[in-house]
Amino acid sequence: MVEKRVEPSYYDVPFGISSSILTTGLNVVATTAAYYHGLSVKASAADCTITIYDNASTTSGNIVDLVFVDFSLNPATRVSLYNPIYAKNGIAIDVSELGTKGVCFYGPKG
């Protein structure tokens, strides 16, 4: 039997996972090791790039994920990972476009 996958609504938080609100610029989500589960973002008026780093305090280090929101096609985007990505140094997120808002889903190191 094949299970049908149902996408959660914008801003739904999966059970057992923490969330952090995102705004334009640097967003420090986790300051210690964590698992990145995905994000939901909504661009305000233009295309937006969201870069997720394996870092606890700055926009440098290994890139964990890169999300591009094309405002003309779909201003709201959701990335939901079946296999979360381990960020050993923490999670820092850079949001490029002014007015973009969203939420990051992450879980503590198991």
C-alpha atoms as a PDB file:
ATOM      1  CA  MET A   1       0.000   0.000   0.000  1.00  0.00           C
ATOM      2  CA  VAL A   2       1.361   3.419  -0.969  1.00  0.00           C
ATOM      3  CA  GLU A   3       0.799   6.236   1.487  1.00  0.00           C
ATOM      4  CA  LYS A   4      -0.337   9.552   0.091  1.00  0.00           C
ATOM      5  CA  ARG A   5       1.820  12.450   1.275  1.00  0.00           C
ATOM      6  CA  VAL A   6      -0.121  15.468   2.443  1.00  0.00           C
ATOM      7  CA  GLU A   7       1.726  18.785   2.546  1.00  0.00           C
ATOM      8  CA  PRO A   8       1.127  20.704   5.771  1.00  0.00           C
ATOM      9  CA  SER A   9      -0.224  24.219   5.621  1.00  0.00           C
ATOM     10  CA  TYR A  10       2.048  27.248   5.683  1.00  0.00           C
ATOM     11  CA  TYR A  11       3.610  27.608   9.160  1.00  0.00           C
ATOM     12  CA  ASP A  12       2.478  24.182  10.428  1.00  0.00           C
ATOM     13  CA  VAL A  13       5.113  22.849  12.824  1.00  0.00           C
ATOM     14  CA  PRO A  14       5.746  19.085  12.647  1.00  0.00           C
ATOM     15  CA  PHE A  15       5.433  17.260  15.971  1.00  0.00           C
ATOM     16  CA  GLY A  16       8.636  17.277  18.038  1.00  0.00           C
ATOM     17  CA  ILE A  17      10.391  19.900  15.950  1.00  0.00           C
ATOM     18  CA  SER A  18      11.176  23.445  17.019  1.00  0.00           C
ATOM     19  CA  SER A  19      10.652  26.473  14.846  1.00  0.00           C
ATOM     20  CA  SER A  20      12.232  29.875  14.525  1.00  0.00           C
ATOM     21  CA  ILE A  21      10.713  32.921  12.818  1.00  0.00           C
ATOM     22  CA  LEU A  22      12.789  34.297   9.930  1.00  0.00           C
ATOM     23  CA  THR A  23      13.105  37.915   8.824  1.00  0.00           C
ATOM     24  CA  THR A  24      15.368  39.736   6.367  1.00  0.00           C
ATOM     25  CA  GLY A  25      19.103  39.479   7.093  1.00  0.00           C
ATOM     26  CA  LEU A  26      20.929  37.147   9.482  1.00  0.00           C
ATOM     27  CA  ASN A  27      18.812  34.752  11.553  1.00  0.00           C
ATOM     28  CA  VAL A  28      20.581  32.599  14.153  1.00  0.00           C
ATOM     29  CA  VAL A  29      18.298  29.597  14.595  1.00  0.00           C
ATOM     30  CA  ALA A  30      20.428  27.168  16.624  1.00  0.00           C
ATOM     31  CA  THR A  31      23.666  27.913  18.489  1.00  0.00           C
ATOM     32  CA  THR A  32      24.570  24.243  18.993  1.00  0.00           C
ATOM     33  CA  ALA A  33      24.380  21.130  16.821  1.00  0.00           C
ATOM     34  CA  ALA A  34      20.916  20.604  15.321  1.00  0.00           C
ATOM     35  CA  TYR A  35      19.031  18.913  12.502  1.00  0.00           C
ATOM     36  CA  TYR A  36      17.643  21.160   9.743  1.00  0.00           C
ATOM     37  CA  HIS A  37      14.202  19.888   8.673  1.00  0.00           C
ATOM     38  CA  GLY A  38      13.218  22.602   6.196  1.00  0.00           C
ATOM     39  CA  LEU A  39      11.491  25.952   6.043  1.00  0.00           C
ATOM     40  CA  SER A  40       8.514  27.962   4.825  1.00  0.00           C
ATOM     41  CA  VAL A  41       9.026  31.432   3.405  1.00  0.00           C
ATOM     42  CA  LYS A  42       6.930  34.110   1.748  1.00  0.00           C
ATOM     43  CA  ALA A  43       8.578  36.825  -0.322  1.00  0.00           C
ATOM     44  CA  SER A  44       7.026  40.270  -0.002  1.00  0.00           C
ATOM     45  CA  ALA A  45       7.573  41.941  -3.379  1.00  0.00           C
ATOM     46  CA  ALA A  46      10.579  40.473  -5.218  1.00  0.00           C
ATOM     47  CA  ASP A  47      12.620  37.311  -5.736  1.00  0.00           C
ATOM     48  CA  CYS A  48      14.463  36.124  -2.652  1.00  0.00           C
ATOM     49  CA  THR A  49      17.394  33.845  -1.858  1.00  0.00           C
ATOM     50  CA  ILE A  50      17.597  32.041   1.482  1.00  0.00           C
ATOM     51  CA  THR A  51      20.944  30.497   2.413  1.00  0.00           C
ATOM     52  CA  ILE A  52      21.156  28.059   5.323  1.00  0.00           C
ATOM     53  CA  TYR A  53      24.606  27.674   6.940  1.00  0.00           C
ATOM     54  CA  ASP A  54      26.160  25.147   9.317  1.00  0.00           C
ATOM     55  CA  ASN A  55      27.219  27.912  11.690  1.00  0.00           C
ATOM     56  CA  ALA A  56      26.049  29.259  15.033  1.00  0.00           C
ATOM     57  CA  SER A  57      26.551  32.968  14.558  1.00  0.00           C
ATOM     58  CA  THR A  58      27.435  34.204  11.075  1.00  0.00           C
ATOM     59  CA  THR A  59      26.775  33.713   7.368  1.00  0.00           C
ATOM     60  CA  SER A  60      29.851  31.654   6.610  1.00  0.00           C
ATOM     61  CA  GLY A  61      30.850  28.012   6.755  1.00  0.00           C
ATOM     62  CA  ASN A  62      29.273  25.078   4.963  1.00  0.00           C
ATOM     63  CA  ILE A  63      26.037  25.730   3.099  1.00  0.00           C
ATOM     64  CA  VAL A  64      23.363  23.276   4.236  1.00  0.00           C
ATOM     65  CA  ASP A  65      20.615  24.406   1.849  1.00  0.00           C
ATOM     66  CA  LEU A  66      19.929  27.160  -0.677  1.00  0.00           C
ATOM     67  CA  VAL A  67      16.350  28.162  -1.492  1.00  0.00           C
ATOM     68  CA  PHE A  68      15.297  30.554  -4.264  1.00  0.00           C
ATOM     69  CA  VAL A  69      11.806  32.060  -4.168  1.00  0.00           C
ATOM     70  CA  ASP A  70      10.571  33.297  -7.558  1.00  0.00           C
ATOM     71  CA  PHE A  71       8.033  35.959  -6.601  1.00  0.00           C
ATOM     72  CA  SER A  72       6.370  36.002 -10.055  1.00  0.00           C
ATOM     73  CA  LEU A  73       5.702  32.232 -10.010  1.00  0.00           C
ATOM     74  CA  ASN A  74       5.055  31.428  -6.362  1.00  0.00           C
ATOM     75  CA  PRO A  75       5.843  33.931  -3.586  1.00  0.00           C
ATOM     76  CA  ALA A  76       5.313  31.271  -0.885  1.00  0.00           C
ATOM     77  CA  THR A  77       7.686  28.295  -0.816  1.00  0.00           C
ATOM     78  CA  ARG A  78       8.017  25.318   1.501  1.00  0.00           C
ATOM     79  CA  VAL A  79      11.003  22.988   1.806  1.00  0.00           C
ATOM     80  CA  SER A  80      10.286  19.874   3.837  1.00  0.00           C
ATOM     81  CA  LEU A  81      13.062  17.274   4.159  1.00  0.00           C
ATOM     82  CA  TYR A  82      12.296  13.590   4.763  1.00  0.00           C
ATOM     83  CA  ASN A  83      15.917  13.145   5.861  1.00  0.00           C
ATOM     84  CA  PRO A  84      16.977  16.142   7.964  1.00  0.00           C
ATOM     85  CA  ILE A  85      20.473  17.555   7.491  1.00  0.00           C
ATOM     86  CA  TYR A  86      22.809  17.532  10.475  1.00  0.00           C
ATOM     87  CA  ALA A  87      24.404  20.921  11.176  1.00  0.00           C
ATOM     88  CA  LYS A  88      27.192  20.226  13.676  1.00  0.00           C
ATOM     89  CA  ASN A  89      27.961  23.901  14.418  1.00  0.00           C
ATOM     90  CA  GLY A  90      24.401  25.253  14.611  1.00  0.00           C
ATOM     91  CA  ILE A  91      22.106  26.879  12.061  1.00  0.00           C
ATOM     92  CA  ALA A  92      22.345  30.418  10.708  1.00  0.00           C
ATOM     93  CA  ILE A  93      20.108  31.628   7.879  1.00  0.00           C
ATOM     94  CA  ASP A  94      20.569  34.611   5.583  1.00  0.00           C
ATOM     95  CA  VAL A  95      17.399  36.007   3.960  1.00  0.00           C
ATOM     96  CA  SER A  96      18.181  38.367   1.069  1.00  0.00           C
ATOM     97  CA  GLU A  97      14.987  40.274   0.291  1.00  0.00           C
ATOM     98  CA  LEU A  98      13.550  43.043   2.469  1.00  0.00           C
ATOM     99  CA  GLY A  99      10.146  42.131   3.878  1.00  0.00           C
ATOM    100  CA  THR A 100      10.488  38.367   3.403  1.00  0.00           C
ATOM    101  CA  LYS A 101       9.147  36.388   6.354  1.00  0.00           C
ATOM    102  CA  GLY A 102       9.139  32.713   7.185  1.00  0.00           C
ATOM    103  CA  VAL A 103       9.853  29.943   9.639  1.00  0.00           C
ATOM    104  CA  CYS A 104      12.655  27.378   9.919  1.00  0.00           C
ATOM    105  CA  PHE A 105      12.004  23.874  11.247  1.00  0.00           C
ATOM    106  CA  TYR A 106      14.813  22.227  13.208  1.00  0.00           C
ATOM    107  CA  GLY A 107      15.375  19.662  15.905  1.00  0.00           C
ATOM    108  CA  PRO A 108      18.006  19.238  18.586  1.00  0.00           C
ATOM    109  CA  LYS A 109      20.917  16.898  18.175  1.00  0.00           C
ATOM    110  CA  GLY A 110      19.647  13.410  18.974  1.00  0.00           C
END
